[in-house]
Amino acid sequence: MQKFYKVFLVLFIVFIAINLYALDWQSEILSEDNLKFVFSIASAVMGLILLFVLDAWSKIGVKKRA
């Protein structure tokens, strides 16, 4: 994995961790107060998935040297 992808990997994991910490676990997950954190977590997870897809695509055309 390239350094560029590793930076975004750490960034997305930090976003997920901060938003999980900010959730109000006493109320419902989809309550109005928690909804902004749930959307932020969902977008960070989609970013992680996209990150791994882009990393896989970048490895497809690369030939290994002997």
PDB file of N, CA and C in Angstrom:
ATOM      1  N   MET A   1       0.846  -1.165   0.000  1.00  0.00           N
ATOM      2  CA  MET A   1       0.000   0.000   0.000  1.00  0.00           C
ATOM      3  C   MET A   1       0.900   1.240   0.000  1.00  0.00           C
ATOM      4  N   GLN A   2       0.573   2.160  -0.860  1.00  0.00           N
ATOM      5  CA  GLN A   2       1.375   3.370  -0.988  1.00  0.00           C
ATOM      6  C   GLN A   2       1.174   4.278   0.221  1.00  0.00           C
ATOM      7  N   LYS A   3       2.122   5.159   0.431  1.00  0.00           N
ATOM      8  CA  LYS A   3       2.061   6.077   1.575  1.00  0.00           C
ATOM      9  C   LYS A   3       0.822   6.972   1.483  1.00  0.00           C
ATOM     10  N   PHE A   4       0.451   7.347   0.267  1.00  0.00           N
ATOM     11  CA  PHE A   4      -0.730   8.182   0.046  1.00  0.00           C
ATOM     12  C   PHE A   4      -1.984   7.485   0.578  1.00  0.00           C
ATOM     13  N   TYR A   5      -2.120   6.195   0.305  1.00  0.00           N
ATOM     14  CA  TYR A   5      -3.276   5.436   0.777  1.00  0.00           C
ATOM     15  C   TYR A   5      -3.224   5.225   2.284  1.00  0.00           C
ATOM     16  N   LYS A   6      -2.030   5.060   2.833  1.00  0.00           N
ATOM     17  CA  LYS A   6      -1.903   4.848   4.270  1.00  0.00           C
ATOM     18  C   LYS A   6      -2.335   6.076   5.058  1.00  0.00           C
ATOM     19  N   VAL A   7      -2.054   7.252   4.518  1.00  0.00           N
ATOM     20  CA  VAL A   7      -2.478   8.486   5.181  1.00  0.00           C
ATOM     21  C   VAL A   7      -3.992   8.536   5.270  1.00  0.00           C
ATOM     22  N   PHE A   8      -4.675   8.238   4.185  1.00  0.00           N
ATOM     23  CA  PHE A   8      -6.133   8.256   4.189  1.00  0.00           C
ATOM     24  C   PHE A   8      -6.705   7.116   5.019  1.00  0.00           C
ATOM     25  N   LEU A   9      -6.034   5.983   5.079  1.00  0.00           N
ATOM     26  CA  LEU A   9      -6.478   4.884   5.926  1.00  0.00           C
ATOM     27  C   LEU A   9      -6.505   5.319   7.387  1.00  0.00           C
ATOM     28  N   VAL A  10      -5.442   5.941   7.836  1.00  0.00           N
ATOM     29  CA  VAL A  10      -5.384   6.433   9.212  1.00  0.00           C
ATOM     30  C   VAL A  10      -6.433   7.518   9.437  1.00  0.00           C
ATOM     31  N   LEU A  11      -6.588   8.398   8.473  1.00  0.00           N
ATOM     32  CA  LEU A  11      -7.551   9.491   8.588  1.00  0.00           C
ATOM     33  C   LEU A  11      -8.983   8.963   8.729  1.00  0.00           C
ATOM     34  N   PHE A  12      -9.363   7.997   7.908  1.00  0.00           N
ATOM     35  CA  PHE A  12     -10.708   7.426   7.982  1.00  0.00           C
ATOM     36  C   PHE A  12     -10.918   6.675   9.296  1.00  0.00           C
ATOM     37  N   ILE A  13      -9.911   5.967   9.774  1.00  0.00           N
ATOM     38  CA  ILE A  13     -10.049   5.248  11.044  1.00  0.00           C
ATOM     39  C   ILE A  13     -10.209   6.227  12.201  1.00  0.00           C
ATOM     40  N   VAL A  14      -9.484   7.342  12.153  1.00  0.00           N
ATOM     41  CA  VAL A  14      -9.622   8.360  13.197  1.00  0.00           C
ATOM     42  C   VAL A  14     -11.013   8.986  13.148  1.00  0.00           C
ATOM     43  N   PHE A  15     -11.534   9.259  11.949  1.00  0.00           N
ATOM     44  CA  PHE A  15     -12.890   9.803  11.836  1.00  0.00           C
ATOM     45  C   PHE A  15     -13.913   8.853  12.433  1.00  0.00           C
ATOM     46  N   ILE A  16     -13.784   7.574  12.143  1.00  0.00           N
ATOM     47  CA  ILE A  16     -14.722   6.583  12.677  1.00  0.00           C
ATOM     48  C   ILE A  16     -14.631   6.537  14.199  1.00  0.00           C
ATOM     49  N   ALA A  17     -13.414   6.541  14.724  1.00  0.00           N
ATOM     50  CA  ALA A  17     -13.238   6.462  16.176  1.00  0.00           C
ATOM     51  C   ALA A  17     -13.824   7.686  16.878  1.00  0.00           C
ATOM     52  N   ILE A  18     -13.588   8.869  16.340  1.00  0.00           N
ATOM     53  CA  ILE A  18     -14.114  10.093  16.959  1.00  0.00           C
ATOM     54  C   ILE A  18     -15.643  10.087  16.945  1.00  0.00           C
ATOM     55  N   ASN A  19     -16.227   9.662  15.839  1.00  0.00           N
ATOM     56  CA  ASN A  19     -17.686   9.658  15.752  1.00  0.00           C
ATOM     57  C   ASN A  19     -18.312   8.570  16.607  1.00  0.00           C
ATOM     58  N   LEU A  20     -17.638   7.434  16.760  1.00  0.00           N
ATOM     59  CA  LEU A  20     -18.151   6.412  17.676  1.00  0.00           C
ATOM     60  C   LEU A  20     -18.115   6.917  19.115  1.00  0.00           C
ATOM     61  N   TYR A  21     -17.073   7.675  19.444  1.00  0.00           N
ATOM     62  CA  TYR A  21     -16.975   8.255  20.781  1.00  0.00           C
ATOM     63  C   TYR A  21     -18.060   9.304  21.017  1.00  0.00           C
ATOM     64  N   ALA A  22     -18.422  10.042  19.978  1.00  0.00           N
ATOM     65  CA  ALA A  22     -19.383  11.135  20.119  1.00  0.00           C
ATOM     66  C   ALA A  22     -20.837  10.666  20.140  1.00  0.00           C
ATOM     67  N   LEU A  23     -21.085   9.431  19.755  1.00  0.00           N
ATOM     68  CA  LEU A  23     -22.466   8.930  19.763  1.00  0.00           C
ATOM     69  C   LEU A  23     -23.023   8.897  21.178  1.00  0.00           C
ATOM     70  N   ASP A  24     -24.307   9.197  21.276  1.00  0.00           N
ATOM     71  CA  ASP A  24     -25.002   9.072  22.554  1.00  0.00           C
ATOM     72  C   ASP A  24     -25.589   7.669  22.611  1.00  0.00           C
ATOM     73  N   TRP A  25     -24.958   6.801  23.386  1.00  0.00           N
ATOM     74  CA  TRP A  25     -25.341   5.387  23.405  1.00  0.00           C
ATOM     75  C   TRP A  25     -26.608   5.155  24.219  1.00  0.00           C
ATOM     76  N   GLN A  26     -27.075   6.153  24.958  1.00  0.00           N
ATOM     77  CA  GLN A  26     -28.293   5.994  25.757  1.00  0.00           C
ATOM     78  C   GLN A  26     -29.554   6.151  24.903  1.00  0.00           C
ATOM     79  N   SER A  27     -29.457   6.887  23.821  1.00  0.00           N
ATOM     80  CA  SER A  27     -30.615   7.060  22.938  1.00  0.00           C
ATOM     81  C   SER A  27     -30.468   6.137  21.732  1.00  0.00           C
ATOM     82  N   GLU A  28     -31.472   6.159  20.873  1.00  0.00           N
ATOM     83  CA  GLU A  28     -31.453   5.300  19.690  1.00  0.00           C
ATOM     84  C   GLU A  28     -30.357   5.745  18.729  1.00  0.00           C
ATOM     85  N   ILE A  29     -29.870   4.783  17.950  1.00  0.00           N
ATOM     86  CA  ILE A  29     -28.791   5.079  16.995  1.00  0.00           C
ATOM     87  C   ILE A  29     -29.268   6.072  15.937  1.00  0.00           C
ATOM     88  N   LEU A  30     -30.501   5.917  15.462  1.00  0.00           N
ATOM     89  CA  LEU A  30     -31.000   6.787  14.398  1.00  0.00           C
ATOM     90  C   LEU A  30     -31.822   7.962  14.934  1.00  0.00           C
ATOM     91  N   SER A  31     -31.587   8.356  16.164  1.00  0.00           N
ATOM     92  CA  SER A  31     -32.269   9.544  16.685  1.00  0.00           C
ATOM     93  C   SER A  31     -31.685  10.793  16.012  1.00  0.00           C
ATOM     94  N   GLU A  32     -32.385  11.881  16.179  1.00  0.00           N
ATOM     95  CA  GLU A  32     -31.967  13.119  15.495  1.00  0.00           C
ATOM     96  C   GLU A  32     -30.599  13.601  15.964  1.00  0.00           C
ATOM     97  N   ASP A  33     -30.286  13.387  17.237  1.00  0.00           N
ATOM     98  CA  ASP A  33     -28.993  13.820  17.767  1.00  0.00           C
ATOM     99  C   ASP A  33     -27.842  12.972  17.232  1.00  0.00           C
ATOM    100  N   ASN A  34     -28.079  11.701  17.033  1.00  0.00           N
ATOM    101  CA  ASN A  34     -27.017  10.790  16.594  1.00  0.00           C
ATOM    102  C   ASN A  34     -26.889  10.688  15.079  1.00  0.00           C
ATOM    103  N   LEU A  35     -27.858  11.189  14.357  1.00  0.00           N
ATOM    104  CA  LEU A  35     -27.890  10.968  12.915  1.00  0.00           C
ATOM    105  C   LEU A  35     -26.685  11.566  12.198  1.00  0.00           C
ATOM    106  N   LYS A  36     -26.216  12.715  12.611  1.00  0.00           N
ATOM    107  CA  LYS A  36     -25.053  13.324  11.955  1.00  0.00           C
ATOM    108  C   LYS A  36     -23.800  12.484  12.169  1.00  0.00           C
ATOM    109  N   PHE A  37     -23.672  11.844  13.334  1.00  0.00           N
ATOM    110  CA  PHE A  37     -22.524  10.990  13.590  1.00  0.00           C
ATOM    111  C   PHE A  37     -22.627   9.680  12.804  1.00  0.00           C
ATOM    112  N   VAL A  38     -23.845   9.172  12.672  1.00  0.00           N
ATOM    113  CA  VAL A  38     -24.054   7.936  11.907  1.00  0.00           C
ATOM    114  C   VAL A  38     -23.726   8.176  10.438  1.00  0.00           C
ATOM    115  N   PHE A  39     -24.156   9.310   9.887  1.00  0.00           N
ATOM    116  CA  PHE A  39     -23.827   9.625   8.499  1.00  0.00           C
ATOM    117  C   PHE A  39     -22.325   9.803   8.313  1.00  0.00           C
ATOM    118  N   SER A  40     -21.674  10.408   9.271  1.00  0.00           N
ATOM    119  CA  SER A  40     -20.231  10.589   9.182  1.00  0.00           C
ATOM    120  C   SER A  40     -19.497   9.250   9.247  1.00  0.00           C
ATOM    121  N   ILE A  41     -19.958   8.349  10.106  1.00  0.00           N
ATOM    122  CA  ILE A  41     -19.363   7.015  10.185  1.00  0.00           C
ATOM    123  C   ILE A  41     -19.588   6.263   8.874  1.00  0.00           C
ATOM    124  N   ALA A  42     -20.797   6.363   8.331  1.00  0.00           N
ATOM    125  CA  ALA A  42     -21.109   5.668   7.085  1.00  0.00           C
ATOM    126  C   ALA A  42     -20.250   6.187   5.933  1.00  0.00           C
ATOM    127  N   SER A  43     -20.039   7.481   5.867  1.00  0.00           N
ATOM    128  CA  SER A  43     -19.212   8.023   4.790  1.00  0.00           C
ATOM    129  C   SER A  43     -17.742   7.646   4.984  1.00  0.00           C
ATOM    130  N   ALA A  44     -17.275   7.550   6.223  1.00  0.00           N
ATOM    131  CA  ALA A  44     -15.902   7.108   6.463  1.00  0.00           C
ATOM    132  C   ALA A  44     -15.726   5.639   6.086  1.00  0.00           C
ATOM    133  N   VAL A  45     -16.734   4.817   6.345  1.00  0.00           N
ATOM    134  CA  VAL A  45     -16.669   3.407   5.946  1.00  0.00           C
ATOM    135  C   VAL A  45     -16.665   3.290   4.425  1.00  0.00           C
ATOM    136  N   MET A  46     -17.481   4.100   3.748  1.00  0.00           N
ATOM    137  CA  MET A  46     -17.461   4.090   2.282  1.00  0.00           C
ATOM    138  C   MET A  46     -16.111   4.562   1.761  1.00  0.00           C
ATOM    139  N   GLY A  47     -15.498   5.517   2.434  1.00  0.00           N
ATOM    140  CA  GLY A  47     -14.158   5.960   2.068  1.00  0.00           C
ATOM    141  C   GLY A  47     -13.138   4.851   2.231  1.00  0.00           C
ATOM    142  N   LEU A  48     -13.254   4.059   3.295  1.00  0.00           N
ATOM    143  CA  LEU A  48     -12.355   2.916   3.493  1.00  0.00           C
ATOM    144  C   LEU A  48     -12.508   1.883   2.378  1.00  0.00           C
ATOM    145  N   ILE A  49     -13.753   1.598   2.019  1.00  0.00           N
ATOM    146  CA  ILE A  49     -14.001   0.638   0.942  1.00  0.00           C
ATOM    147  C   ILE A  49     -13.414   1.157  -0.365  1.00  0.00           C
ATOM    148  N   LEU A  50     -13.644   2.420  -0.666  1.00  0.00           N
ATOM    149  CA  LEU A  50     -13.096   3.025  -1.880  1.00  0.00           C
ATOM    150  C   LEU A  50     -11.573   3.020  -1.858  1.00  0.00           C
ATOM    151  N   LEU A  51     -10.997   3.235  -0.707  1.00  0.00           N
ATOM    152  CA  LEU A  51      -9.544   3.224  -0.552  1.00  0.00           C
ATOM    153  C   LEU A  51      -8.964   1.859  -0.917  1.00  0.00           C
ATOM    154  N   PHE A  52      -9.585   0.783  -0.430  1.00  0.00           N
ATOM    155  CA  PHE A  52      -9.091  -0.553  -0.740  1.00  0.00           C
ATOM    156  C   PHE A  52      -9.326  -0.925  -2.200  1.00  0.00           C
ATOM    157  N   VAL A  53     -10.422  -0.436  -2.783  1.00  0.00           N
ATOM    158  CA  VAL A  53     -10.672  -0.677  -4.213  1.00  0.00           C
ATOM    159  C   VAL A  53      -9.621   0.036  -5.058  1.00  0.00           C
ATOM    160  N   LEU A  54      -9.336   1.285  -4.736  1.00  0.00           N
ATOM    161  CA  LEU A  54      -8.316   2.021  -5.490  1.00  0.00           C
ATOM    162  C   LEU A  54      -6.936   1.398  -5.328  1.00  0.00           C
ATOM    163  N   ASP A  55      -6.627   0.890  -4.140  1.00  0.00           N
ATOM    164  CA  ASP A  55      -5.351   0.226  -3.925  1.00  0.00           C
ATOM    165  C   ASP A  55      -5.264  -1.059  -4.752  1.00  0.00           C
ATOM    166  N   ALA A  56      -6.358  -1.796  -4.811  1.00  0.00           N
ATOM    167  CA  ALA A  56      -6.367  -3.021  -5.613  1.00  0.00           C
ATOM    168  C   ALA A  56      -6.218  -2.698  -7.098  1.00  0.00           C
ATOM    169  N   TRP A  57      -6.895  -1.648  -7.554  1.00  0.00           N
ATOM    170  CA  TRP A  57      -6.785  -1.254  -8.961  1.00  0.00           C
ATOM    171  C   TRP A  57      -5.383  -0.788  -9.308  1.00  0.00           C
ATOM    172  N   SER A  58      -4.715  -0.147  -8.365  1.00  0.00           N
ATOM    173  CA  SER A  58      -3.366   0.330  -8.659  1.00  0.00           C
ATOM    174  C   SER A  58      -2.374  -0.822  -8.770  1.00  0.00           C
ATOM    175  N   LYS A  59      -2.678  -1.965  -8.186  1.00  0.00           N
ATOM    176  CA  LYS A  59      -1.783  -3.123  -8.240  1.00  0.00           C
ATOM    177  C   LYS A  59      -2.014  -3.993  -9.468  1.00  0.00           C
ATOM    178  N   ILE A  60      -3.104  -3.795 -10.171  1.00  0.00           N
ATOM    179  CA  ILE A  60      -3.442  -4.660 -11.309  1.00  0.00           C
ATOM    180  C   ILE A  60      -2.446  -4.510 -12.437  1.00  0.00           C
ATOM    181  N   GLY A  61      -2.116  -3.296 -12.817  1.00  0.00           N
ATOM    182  CA  GLY A  61      -1.246  -3.077 -13.969  1.00  0.00           C
ATOM    183  C   GLY A  61       0.247  -3.131 -13.680  1.00  0.00           C
ATOM    184  N   VAL A  62       0.614  -3.302 -12.433  1.00  0.00           N
ATOM    185  CA  VAL A  62       2.022  -3.269 -12.050  1.00  0.00           C
ATOM    186  C   VAL A  62       2.643  -4.650 -12.254  1.00  0.00           C
ATOM    187  N   LYS A  63       3.762  -4.683 -13.002  1.00  0.00           N
ATOM    188  CA  LYS A  63       4.468  -5.930 -13.210  1.00  0.00           C
ATOM    189  C   LYS A  63       5.534  -6.069 -12.131  1.00  0.00           C
ATOM    190  N   LYS A  64       5.659  -7.271 -11.609  1.00  0.00           N
ATOM    191  CA  LYS A  64       6.675  -7.507 -10.580  1.00  0.00           C
ATOM    192  C   LYS A  64       8.026  -7.753 -11.234  1.00  0.00           C
ATOM    193  N   ARG A  65       9.049  -7.140 -10.670  1.00  0.00           N
ATOM    194  CA  ARG A  65      10.403  -7.324 -11.177  1.00  0.00           C
ATOM    195  C   ARG A  65      11.036  -8.511 -10.480  1.00  0.00           C
ATOM    196  N   ALA A  66      11.847  -9.229 -11.246  1.00  0.00           N
ATOM    197  CA  ALA A  66      12.494 -10.417 -10.682  1.00  0.00           C
ATOM    198  C   ALA A  66      13.778 -10.074  -9.988  1.00  0.00           C
TER     199      ALA A  66
END
